[in-house]
């Protein structure tokens, strides 16, 4: 099972102790602003356990992100195979969700950069994607800091109704030949 370490983060398998802070993160309306709704404790626990199972199966996934200096759970960062059929399917995405306290410190960029490096060198993938609602400027900024390239066309996420305010998504791609840049 793979763990990734950066200067400030440990991306690791999920622990029972992660469930409570993860549920608080998923119940925060500001953190979940660009998702259809906040998650109940049961939904949040199910998501964490599914992440854990996928890591056990593949050796990688959406890892629990822990701040090395404090041991504090900060959210998740990792790689995932989206279930929804997207314009880039089949694909592996890089993604993140951090508690509000940890925004603005470059942790998402730092962790995602390690994930891209692992995807290209460890998994030998030729491409990794990232996508978000066109409303989510913060996540799109992380994608840009990672050196990912935005597709010219947007798409309607198939899990959302066409008219939903979050349905229009932008798509970014990173290729193994693209140097992952600093943040």
N, C-alpha and C. Protein backbone atom coordinates (compact mmCIF):
# COMPACT_ATOMS: atom_id res chain seq x y z
N UNK A 1 0.85 -1.18 0.00
CA UNK A 1 0.00 0.00 0.00
C UNK A 1 0.90 1.24 0.00
N UNK A 2 0.62 2.14 -0.90
CA UNK A 2 1.45 3.32 -1.07
C UNK A 2 1.05 4.42 -0.11
N UNK A 3 2.05 5.08 0.47
CA UNK A 3 1.88 6.34 1.18
C UNK A 3 2.78 7.34 0.48
N UNK A 4 2.35 8.58 0.42
CA UNK A 4 3.16 9.64 -0.17
C UNK A 4 3.50 10.65 0.90
N UNK A 5 4.72 11.14 0.86
CA UNK A 5 5.17 12.13 1.84
C UNK A 5 5.70 13.34 1.09
N UNK A 6 5.30 14.51 1.54
CA UNK A 6 5.83 15.76 1.00
C UNK A 6 6.53 16.49 2.15
N UNK A 7 6.95 17.70 1.92
CA UNK A 7 7.61 18.46 2.97
C UNK A 7 6.70 18.65 4.19
N UNK A 8 5.38 18.78 3.94
CA UNK A 8 4.46 19.07 5.06
C UNK A 8 3.35 18.06 5.25
N UNK A 9 3.21 17.10 4.36
CA UNK A 9 2.06 16.21 4.39
C UNK A 9 2.45 14.74 4.33
N UNK A 10 1.61 13.92 4.96
CA UNK A 10 1.64 12.48 4.76
C UNK A 10 0.29 12.11 4.17
N UNK A 11 0.31 11.51 2.99
CA UNK A 11 -0.91 11.01 2.36
C UNK A 11 -0.91 9.51 2.64
N UNK A 12 -1.90 9.07 3.41
CA UNK A 12 -1.87 7.73 3.99
C UNK A 12 -3.24 7.07 3.96
N UNK A 13 -3.26 5.80 4.39
CA UNK A 13 -4.52 5.07 4.52
C UNK A 13 -5.38 5.72 5.60
N UNK A 14 -6.67 5.58 5.45
CA UNK A 14 -7.63 6.15 6.39
C UNK A 14 -7.61 5.38 7.71
N UNK A 15 -7.84 6.14 8.81
CA UNK A 15 -7.92 5.57 10.16
C UNK A 15 -9.29 5.89 10.74
N UNK A 16 -9.68 5.12 11.72
CA UNK A 16 -10.94 5.36 12.43
C UNK A 16 -10.98 6.79 12.98
N UNK A 17 -9.85 7.28 13.45
CA UNK A 17 -9.79 8.63 14.03
C UNK A 17 -10.01 9.74 13.00
N UNK A 18 -9.96 9.41 11.72
CA UNK A 18 -10.20 10.41 10.67
C UNK A 18 -11.69 10.67 10.45
N UNK A 19 -12.53 9.74 10.88
CA UNK A 19 -13.95 9.83 10.53
C UNK A 19 -14.62 11.08 11.10
N UNK A 20 -14.35 11.41 12.35
CA UNK A 20 -15.00 12.58 12.95
C UNK A 20 -14.57 13.89 12.29
N UNK A 21 -13.26 14.15 12.12
CA UNK A 21 -12.90 15.41 11.45
C UNK A 21 -13.33 15.43 9.97
N UNK A 22 -13.38 14.27 9.33
CA UNK A 22 -13.84 14.22 7.94
C UNK A 22 -15.33 14.55 7.87
N UNK A 23 -16.10 14.05 8.82
CA UNK A 23 -17.53 14.36 8.86
C UNK A 23 -17.76 15.86 9.10
N UNK A 24 -16.96 16.46 9.96
CA UNK A 24 -17.09 17.90 10.20
C UNK A 24 -16.77 18.69 8.93
N UNK A 25 -15.73 18.29 8.22
CA UNK A 25 -15.36 18.92 6.95
C UNK A 25 -16.50 18.80 5.94
N UNK A 26 -17.08 17.61 5.82
CA UNK A 26 -18.14 17.37 4.85
C UNK A 26 -19.47 18.00 5.22
N UNK A 27 -19.62 18.39 6.48
CA UNK A 27 -20.84 19.05 6.94
C UNK A 27 -20.73 20.57 6.87
N UNK A 28 -19.55 21.08 6.54
CA UNK A 28 -19.30 22.51 6.48
C UNK A 28 -19.81 23.06 5.14
N UNK A 29 -20.81 23.94 5.18
CA UNK A 29 -21.38 24.46 3.92
C UNK A 29 -20.35 25.19 3.06
N UNK A 30 -19.36 25.83 3.67
CA UNK A 30 -18.36 26.54 2.88
C UNK A 30 -17.42 25.56 2.16
N UNK A 31 -17.01 24.51 2.84
CA UNK A 31 -16.16 23.49 2.22
C UNK A 31 -16.90 22.81 1.07
N UNK A 32 -18.19 22.58 1.28
CA UNK A 32 -19.01 21.84 0.32
C UNK A 32 -19.77 22.75 -0.65
N UNK A 33 -19.37 23.99 -0.72
CA UNK A 33 -20.07 24.97 -1.55
C UNK A 33 -20.21 24.53 -3.00
N UNK A 34 -19.20 23.88 -3.55
CA UNK A 34 -19.22 23.50 -4.96
C UNK A 34 -19.58 22.03 -5.17
N UNK A 35 -20.27 21.47 -4.20
CA UNK A 35 -20.85 20.14 -4.29
C UNK A 35 -22.35 20.28 -4.13
N UNK A 36 -23.13 19.34 -4.62
CA UNK A 36 -24.59 19.51 -4.56
C UNK A 36 -25.14 19.70 -3.15
N UNK A 37 -24.50 19.07 -2.15
CA UNK A 37 -24.98 19.22 -0.77
C UNK A 37 -23.91 18.78 0.20
N UNK A 38 -24.10 19.17 1.46
CA UNK A 38 -23.22 18.67 2.50
C UNK A 38 -23.54 17.19 2.73
N UNK A 39 -22.66 16.51 3.43
CA UNK A 39 -22.86 15.09 3.70
C UNK A 39 -23.24 14.87 5.16
N UNK A 40 -24.13 13.92 5.39
CA UNK A 40 -24.45 13.50 6.75
C UNK A 40 -23.26 12.72 7.31
N UNK A 41 -23.27 12.46 8.60
CA UNK A 41 -22.19 11.67 9.20
C UNK A 41 -22.12 10.30 8.54
N UNK A 42 -23.26 9.67 8.32
CA UNK A 42 -23.29 8.35 7.70
C UNK A 42 -22.73 8.39 6.28
N UNK A 43 -23.12 9.40 5.49
CA UNK A 43 -22.59 9.53 4.13
C UNK A 43 -21.09 9.78 4.13
N UNK A 44 -20.63 10.61 5.05
CA UNK A 44 -19.21 10.91 5.16
C UNK A 44 -18.42 9.67 5.56
N UNK A 45 -18.90 8.94 6.56
CA UNK A 45 -18.23 7.71 6.97
C UNK A 45 -18.18 6.70 5.83
N UNK A 46 -19.27 6.57 5.09
CA UNK A 46 -19.31 5.65 3.95
C UNK A 46 -18.28 6.03 2.90
N UNK A 47 -18.15 7.34 2.65
CA UNK A 47 -17.17 7.80 1.66
C UNK A 47 -15.75 7.46 2.12
N UNK A 48 -15.44 7.74 3.39
CA UNK A 48 -14.11 7.45 3.91
C UNK A 48 -13.81 5.95 3.85
N UNK A 49 -14.80 5.14 4.21
CA UNK A 49 -14.59 3.69 4.17
C UNK A 49 -14.42 3.19 2.74
N UNK A 50 -15.13 3.79 1.80
CA UNK A 50 -14.96 3.42 0.39
C UNK A 50 -13.56 3.82 -0.10
N UNK A 51 -13.10 4.99 0.31
CA UNK A 51 -11.73 5.41 -0.03
C UNK A 51 -10.73 4.40 0.52
N UNK A 52 -10.95 3.99 1.76
CA UNK A 52 -10.06 3.01 2.41
C UNK A 52 -10.05 1.70 1.62
N UNK A 53 -11.24 1.21 1.25
CA UNK A 53 -11.34 -0.04 0.50
C UNK A 53 -10.63 0.04 -0.85
N UNK A 54 -10.80 1.16 -1.55
CA UNK A 54 -10.15 1.32 -2.85
C UNK A 54 -8.63 1.35 -2.71
N UNK A 55 -8.13 1.98 -1.66
CA UNK A 55 -6.68 1.99 -1.42
C UNK A 55 -6.20 0.57 -1.11
N UNK A 56 -6.98 -0.17 -0.33
CA UNK A 56 -6.61 -1.56 -0.04
C UNK A 56 -6.57 -2.40 -1.32
N UNK A 57 -7.52 -2.17 -2.24
CA UNK A 57 -7.58 -2.92 -3.49
C UNK A 57 -6.46 -2.57 -4.45
N UNK A 58 -6.21 -1.26 -4.63
CA UNK A 58 -5.29 -0.80 -5.68
C UNK A 58 -3.93 -0.37 -5.15
N UNK A 59 -3.88 -0.02 -3.87
CA UNK A 59 -2.64 0.52 -3.31
C UNK A 59 -2.57 2.03 -3.40
N UNK A 60 -3.58 2.67 -3.98
CA UNK A 60 -3.62 4.12 -4.13
C UNK A 60 -5.08 4.56 -4.20
N UNK A 61 -5.29 5.87 -4.04
CA UNK A 61 -6.65 6.41 -4.09
C UNK A 61 -6.71 7.80 -3.51
N UNK A 62 -7.85 8.15 -2.99
CA UNK A 62 -7.98 9.41 -2.25
C UNK A 62 -7.48 9.13 -0.83
N UNK A 63 -6.21 9.52 -0.59
CA UNK A 63 -5.59 9.27 0.70
C UNK A 63 -6.05 10.29 1.74
N UNK A 64 -6.07 9.87 3.00
CA UNK A 64 -6.23 10.81 4.10
C UNK A 64 -4.97 11.66 4.14
N UNK A 65 -5.13 12.96 4.27
CA UNK A 65 -3.98 13.88 4.31
C UNK A 65 -3.76 14.32 5.75
N UNK A 66 -2.55 14.12 6.20
CA UNK A 66 -2.16 14.44 7.58
C UNK A 66 -1.03 15.46 7.54
N UNK A 67 -1.13 16.48 8.35
CA UNK A 67 -0.06 17.47 8.46
C UNK A 67 1.07 16.85 9.28
N UNK A 68 2.26 16.78 8.71
CA UNK A 68 3.38 16.13 9.38
C UNK A 68 3.74 16.79 10.71
N UNK A 69 3.76 18.11 10.75
CA UNK A 69 4.20 18.82 11.95
C UNK A 69 3.30 18.58 13.16
N UNK A 70 2.01 18.38 12.90
CA UNK A 70 1.05 18.28 14.00
C UNK A 70 0.36 16.92 14.10
N UNK A 71 0.40 16.14 13.03
CA UNK A 71 -0.33 14.89 12.99
C UNK A 71 -1.82 15.09 12.75
N UNK A 72 -2.22 16.33 12.45
CA UNK A 72 -3.63 16.67 12.28
C UNK A 72 -4.15 16.21 10.92
N UNK A 73 -5.36 15.64 10.92
CA UNK A 73 -6.06 15.29 9.69
C UNK A 73 -6.50 16.59 9.03
N UNK A 74 -6.17 16.77 7.74
CA UNK A 74 -6.53 18.01 7.05
C UNK A 74 -7.56 17.81 5.95
N UNK A 75 -7.81 16.54 5.56
CA UNK A 75 -8.76 16.26 4.48
C UNK A 75 -8.26 15.09 3.65
N UNK A 76 -8.57 15.12 2.37
CA UNK A 76 -8.02 14.08 1.50
C UNK A 76 -7.42 14.71 0.27
N UNK A 77 -6.43 14.00 -0.28
CA UNK A 77 -5.77 14.35 -1.54
C UNK A 77 -5.40 13.03 -2.19
N UNK A 78 -5.63 12.92 -3.48
CA UNK A 78 -5.23 11.67 -4.10
C UNK A 78 -5.71 11.49 -5.51
N UNK A 79 -5.74 10.24 -5.91
CA UNK A 79 -6.09 9.83 -7.26
C UNK A 79 -7.32 8.94 -7.20
N UNK A 80 -8.14 9.03 -8.24
CA UNK A 80 -9.40 8.30 -8.24
C UNK A 80 -9.84 8.02 -9.68
N UNK A 81 -10.53 6.91 -9.87
CA UNK A 81 -11.15 6.60 -11.15
C UNK A 81 -12.62 7.00 -11.02
N UNK A 82 -13.05 8.07 -11.69
CA UNK A 82 -14.44 8.53 -11.55
C UNK A 82 -15.43 7.47 -12.04
N UNK A 83 -16.53 7.35 -11.29
CA UNK A 83 -17.59 6.41 -11.67
C UNK A 83 -18.43 6.97 -12.82
N UNK A 84 -18.62 8.29 -12.82
CA UNK A 84 -19.43 8.92 -13.87
C UNK A 84 -18.70 8.84 -15.21
N UNK A 85 -19.47 8.70 -16.29
CA UNK A 85 -18.89 8.72 -17.63
C UNK A 85 -18.69 10.18 -18.03
N UNK A 86 -17.44 10.55 -18.19
CA UNK A 86 -17.05 11.92 -18.49
C UNK A 86 -16.47 12.00 -19.90
N UNK A 87 -16.30 13.19 -20.45
CA UNK A 87 -15.70 13.32 -21.79
C UNK A 87 -14.29 12.74 -21.87
N UNK A 88 -13.62 12.59 -20.72
CA UNK A 88 -12.25 12.08 -20.69
C UNK A 88 -12.18 10.61 -20.26
N UNK A 89 -13.34 9.97 -20.06
CA UNK A 89 -13.37 8.57 -19.59
C UNK A 89 -12.85 7.63 -20.66
N UNK A 90 -12.17 6.55 -20.25
CA UNK A 90 -11.77 6.23 -18.89
C UNK A 90 -10.58 7.11 -18.49
N UNK A 91 -10.51 7.43 -17.20
CA UNK A 91 -9.47 8.35 -16.75
C UNK A 91 -9.16 8.14 -15.27
N UNK A 92 -8.08 8.75 -14.85
CA UNK A 92 -7.73 8.86 -13.44
C UNK A 92 -7.68 10.35 -13.15
N UNK A 93 -8.36 10.74 -12.08
CA UNK A 93 -8.36 12.15 -11.69
C UNK A 93 -7.50 12.37 -10.45
N UNK A 94 -6.98 13.56 -10.34
CA UNK A 94 -6.35 14.01 -9.10
C UNK A 94 -7.37 14.92 -8.43
N UNK A 95 -7.54 14.76 -7.12
CA UNK A 95 -8.54 15.56 -6.42
C UNK A 95 -8.14 15.82 -4.98
N UNK A 96 -8.87 16.71 -4.34
CA UNK A 96 -8.58 17.12 -2.98
C UNK A 96 -9.84 17.70 -2.34
N UNK A 97 -9.88 17.63 -1.03
CA UNK A 97 -10.90 18.31 -0.23
C UNK A 97 -10.28 18.53 1.14
N UNK A 98 -10.06 19.78 1.48
CA UNK A 98 -9.41 20.12 2.74
C UNK A 98 -10.36 20.92 3.62
N UNK A 99 -10.16 20.79 4.92
CA UNK A 99 -10.89 21.62 5.87
C UNK A 99 -10.53 23.08 5.67
N UNK A 100 -11.47 23.94 5.92
CA UNK A 100 -11.32 25.38 5.68
C UNK A 100 -10.08 25.96 6.39
N UNK A 101 -9.79 25.46 7.56
CA UNK A 101 -8.62 25.92 8.33
C UNK A 101 -7.32 25.75 7.54
N UNK A 102 -7.32 24.82 6.60
CA UNK A 102 -6.09 24.49 5.87
C UNK A 102 -6.04 25.09 4.46
N UNK A 103 -7.00 25.92 4.13
CA UNK A 103 -7.01 26.59 2.83
C UNK A 103 -5.96 27.69 2.81
N UNK A 104 -5.46 27.97 1.61
CA UNK A 104 -4.60 29.12 1.41
C UNK A 104 -3.16 28.92 1.85
N UNK A 105 -2.76 27.69 2.16
CA UNK A 105 -1.40 27.42 2.60
C UNK A 105 -0.61 26.57 1.60
N UNK A 106 -1.22 26.30 0.44
CA UNK A 106 -0.54 25.52 -0.59
C UNK A 106 -0.54 24.02 -0.36
N UNK A 107 -1.31 23.54 0.61
CA UNK A 107 -1.30 22.10 0.90
C UNK A 107 -1.94 21.28 -0.21
N UNK A 108 -3.03 21.76 -0.79
CA UNK A 108 -3.67 21.03 -1.89
C UNK A 108 -2.71 20.91 -3.06
N UNK A 109 -2.04 22.00 -3.40
CA UNK A 109 -1.08 21.97 -4.50
C UNK A 109 0.08 21.04 -4.19
N UNK A 110 0.61 21.13 -2.99
CA UNK A 110 1.74 20.29 -2.59
C UNK A 110 1.38 18.80 -2.65
N UNK A 111 0.23 18.45 -2.09
CA UNK A 111 -0.19 17.06 -2.08
C UNK A 111 -0.53 16.56 -3.48
N UNK A 112 -1.23 17.39 -4.26
CA UNK A 112 -1.61 16.99 -5.61
C UNK A 112 -0.38 16.83 -6.49
N UNK A 113 0.63 17.65 -6.28
CA UNK A 113 1.87 17.52 -7.05
C UNK A 113 2.51 16.16 -6.78
N UNK A 114 2.53 15.74 -5.52
CA UNK A 114 3.07 14.42 -5.18
C UNK A 114 2.25 13.31 -5.83
N UNK A 115 0.94 13.49 -5.89
CA UNK A 115 0.07 12.50 -6.52
C UNK A 115 0.34 12.40 -8.02
N UNK A 116 0.53 13.54 -8.68
CA UNK A 116 0.83 13.53 -10.10
C UNK A 116 2.17 12.83 -10.36
N UNK A 117 3.15 13.12 -9.53
CA UNK A 117 4.45 12.46 -9.68
C UNK A 117 4.30 10.95 -9.53
N UNK A 118 3.53 10.53 -8.53
CA UNK A 118 3.28 9.10 -8.34
C UNK A 118 2.53 8.50 -9.53
N UNK A 119 1.55 9.22 -10.04
CA UNK A 119 0.76 8.72 -11.18
C UNK A 119 1.65 8.49 -12.40
N UNK A 120 2.56 9.42 -12.65
CA UNK A 120 3.39 9.33 -13.85
C UNK A 120 4.59 8.40 -13.67
N UNK A 121 5.21 8.40 -12.50
CA UNK A 121 6.40 7.57 -12.30
C UNK A 121 6.07 6.22 -11.69
N UNK A 122 5.15 6.18 -10.72
CA UNK A 122 4.81 4.93 -10.05
C UNK A 122 3.80 4.10 -10.82
N UNK A 123 2.73 4.75 -11.29
CA UNK A 123 1.68 4.03 -12.01
C UNK A 123 1.90 4.04 -13.53
N UNK A 124 2.82 4.88 -13.97
CA UNK A 124 3.15 5.01 -15.39
C UNK A 124 1.95 5.39 -16.25
N UNK A 125 1.11 6.26 -15.71
CA UNK A 125 -0.01 6.78 -16.47
C UNK A 125 0.49 7.81 -17.46
N UNK A 126 -0.18 7.93 -18.58
CA UNK A 126 0.20 8.94 -19.57
C UNK A 126 -0.54 10.25 -19.34
N UNK A 127 -1.69 10.19 -18.64
CA UNK A 127 -2.48 11.39 -18.42
C UNK A 127 -3.23 11.28 -17.09
N UNK A 128 -3.38 12.41 -16.43
CA UNK A 128 -4.23 12.55 -15.25
C UNK A 128 -5.08 13.78 -15.48
N UNK A 129 -6.35 13.71 -15.08
CA UNK A 129 -7.26 14.83 -15.27
C UNK A 129 -7.68 15.40 -13.92
N UNK A 130 -8.24 16.58 -13.98
CA UNK A 130 -8.90 17.20 -12.83
C UNK A 130 -10.07 18.00 -13.39
N UNK A 131 -11.14 18.06 -12.65
CA UNK A 131 -12.31 18.80 -13.12
C UNK A 131 -13.04 19.39 -11.93
N UNK A 132 -13.75 20.46 -12.19
CA UNK A 132 -14.55 21.11 -11.16
C UNK A 132 -15.60 21.98 -11.83
N UNK A 133 -16.56 22.40 -11.06
CA UNK A 133 -17.54 23.35 -11.56
C UNK A 133 -16.81 24.62 -11.99
N UNK A 134 -17.27 25.23 -13.06
CA UNK A 134 -16.63 26.47 -13.52
C UNK A 134 -16.77 27.57 -12.47
N UNK A 135 -17.63 27.39 -11.50
CA UNK A 135 -17.80 28.36 -10.41
C UNK A 135 -16.65 28.27 -9.39
N UNK A 136 -15.96 27.14 -9.35
CA UNK A 136 -14.97 26.88 -8.30
C UNK A 136 -13.59 27.39 -8.69
N UNK A 137 -13.40 28.66 -8.54
CA UNK A 137 -12.15 29.32 -8.95
C UNK A 137 -10.96 28.85 -8.11
N UNK A 138 -11.18 28.57 -6.83
CA UNK A 138 -10.08 28.14 -5.95
C UNK A 138 -9.48 26.81 -6.45
N UNK A 139 -10.33 25.83 -6.74
CA UNK A 139 -9.81 24.55 -7.22
C UNK A 139 -9.18 24.69 -8.60
N UNK A 140 -9.79 25.51 -9.43
CA UNK A 140 -9.21 25.73 -10.76
C UNK A 140 -7.83 26.36 -10.64
N UNK A 141 -7.64 27.22 -9.66
CA UNK A 141 -6.32 27.84 -9.44
C UNK A 141 -5.27 26.79 -9.06
N UNK A 142 -5.68 25.80 -8.26
CA UNK A 142 -4.74 24.71 -7.92
C UNK A 142 -4.34 23.97 -9.19
N UNK A 143 -5.30 23.67 -10.03
CA UNK A 143 -5.01 22.96 -11.29
C UNK A 143 -4.01 23.75 -12.13
N UNK A 144 -4.18 25.05 -12.17
CA UNK A 144 -3.25 25.90 -12.93
C UNK A 144 -1.87 25.91 -12.29
N UNK A 145 -1.79 25.99 -10.96
CA UNK A 145 -0.49 25.98 -10.28
C UNK A 145 0.24 24.65 -10.49
N UNK A 146 -0.52 23.59 -10.72
CA UNK A 146 0.09 22.29 -10.99
C UNK A 146 0.63 22.18 -12.41
N UNK A 147 0.35 23.18 -13.24
CA UNK A 147 0.80 23.15 -14.62
C UNK A 147 -0.12 22.36 -15.53
N UNK A 148 -1.32 22.06 -15.06
CA UNK A 148 -2.29 21.33 -15.89
C UNK A 148 -2.85 22.27 -16.94
N UNK A 149 -3.27 21.72 -18.08
CA UNK A 149 -3.78 22.51 -19.18
C UNK A 149 -5.30 22.35 -19.27
N UNK A 150 -5.99 23.48 -19.38
CA UNK A 150 -7.44 23.46 -19.46
C UNK A 150 -7.90 23.13 -20.87
N UNK A 151 -8.87 22.21 -20.99
CA UNK A 151 -9.52 21.96 -22.28
C UNK A 151 -10.31 23.20 -22.67
N UNK A 152 -10.44 23.43 -23.95
CA UNK A 152 -11.15 24.63 -24.41
C UNK A 152 -12.66 24.53 -24.19
N UNK A 153 -13.19 23.32 -24.17
CA UNK A 153 -14.63 23.15 -24.00
C UNK A 153 -14.96 22.74 -22.57
N UNK A 154 -16.12 23.16 -22.10
CA UNK A 154 -16.61 22.71 -20.80
C UNK A 154 -17.58 21.55 -21.04
N UNK A 155 -18.02 20.92 -19.96
CA UNK A 155 -18.98 19.83 -20.08
C UNK A 155 -19.98 19.89 -18.93
N UNK A 156 -21.13 19.29 -19.14
CA UNK A 156 -22.15 19.19 -18.11
C UNK A 156 -21.90 17.89 -17.35
N UNK A 157 -21.70 18.00 -16.04
CA UNK A 157 -21.42 16.79 -15.25
C UNK A 157 -22.65 15.90 -15.26
N UNK A 158 -22.47 14.62 -15.62
CA UNK A 158 -23.63 13.73 -15.77
C UNK A 158 -24.35 13.41 -14.47
N UNK A 159 -23.76 13.69 -13.33
CA UNK A 159 -24.41 13.41 -12.05
C UNK A 159 -25.30 14.55 -11.59
N UNK A 160 -25.33 15.64 -12.36
CA UNK A 160 -26.13 16.81 -11.99
C UNK A 160 -27.14 17.12 -13.08
N UNK A 161 -28.30 17.68 -12.70
CA UNK A 161 -29.25 18.13 -13.73
C UNK A 161 -28.62 19.22 -14.60
N UNK A 162 -28.98 19.24 -15.87
CA UNK A 162 -28.40 20.22 -16.80
C UNK A 162 -28.49 21.66 -16.31
N UNK A 163 -29.59 22.01 -15.68
CA UNK A 163 -29.82 23.39 -15.26
C UNK A 163 -29.25 23.71 -13.88
N UNK A 164 -28.65 22.75 -13.21
CA UNK A 164 -28.09 22.98 -11.87
C UNK A 164 -26.96 24.00 -11.96
N UNK A 165 -26.87 24.89 -10.98
CA UNK A 165 -25.87 25.97 -11.04
C UNK A 165 -24.43 25.44 -11.03
N UNK A 166 -24.22 24.18 -10.62
CA UNK A 166 -22.88 23.60 -10.59
C UNK A 166 -22.60 22.66 -11.76
N UNK A 167 -23.57 22.48 -12.67
CA UNK A 167 -23.45 21.42 -13.67
C UNK A 167 -22.33 21.65 -14.70
N UNK A 168 -22.06 22.90 -15.06
CA UNK A 168 -21.02 23.15 -16.06
C UNK A 168 -19.64 23.00 -15.42
N UNK A 169 -18.84 22.12 -15.98
CA UNK A 169 -17.52 21.82 -15.43
C UNK A 169 -16.41 22.13 -16.44
N UNK A 170 -15.27 22.51 -15.90
CA UNK A 170 -14.07 22.65 -16.71
C UNK A 170 -13.20 21.41 -16.48
N UNK A 171 -12.39 21.10 -17.46
CA UNK A 171 -11.55 19.91 -17.43
C UNK A 171 -10.11 20.33 -17.67
N UNK A 172 -9.24 19.84 -16.80
CA UNK A 172 -7.80 20.07 -16.93
C UNK A 172 -7.11 18.74 -17.12
N UNK A 173 -5.99 18.77 -17.85
CA UNK A 173 -5.23 17.56 -18.11
C UNK A 173 -3.75 17.82 -17.81
N UNK A 174 -3.12 16.78 -17.27
CA UNK A 174 -1.65 16.78 -17.11
C UNK A 174 -1.15 15.53 -17.81
N UNK A 175 -0.06 15.68 -18.54
CA UNK A 175 0.55 14.56 -19.24
C UNK A 175 1.93 14.29 -18.66
N UNK A 176 2.36 13.07 -18.76
CA UNK A 176 3.64 12.71 -18.16
C UNK A 176 4.79 13.51 -18.75
N UNK A 177 4.62 14.04 -19.94
CA UNK A 177 5.67 14.86 -20.54
C UNK A 177 5.64 16.29 -20.01
N UNK A 178 4.56 16.65 -19.30
CA UNK A 178 4.44 17.99 -18.74
C UNK A 178 5.15 18.01 -17.40
N UNK A 179 6.06 18.97 -17.24
CA UNK A 179 6.75 19.11 -15.97
C UNK A 179 5.77 19.68 -14.94
N UNK A 180 5.63 19.02 -13.80
CA UNK A 180 4.79 19.51 -12.74
C UNK A 180 5.51 20.68 -12.10
N UNK A 181 4.86 21.86 -12.13
CA UNK A 181 5.52 23.09 -11.70
C UNK A 181 5.31 23.37 -10.23
N UNK A 182 6.08 24.30 -9.73
CA UNK A 182 5.98 24.72 -8.33
C UNK A 182 4.72 25.49 -8.03
N UNK A 183 4.41 25.65 -6.77
CA UNK A 183 3.18 26.30 -6.38
C UNK A 183 3.44 27.40 -5.45
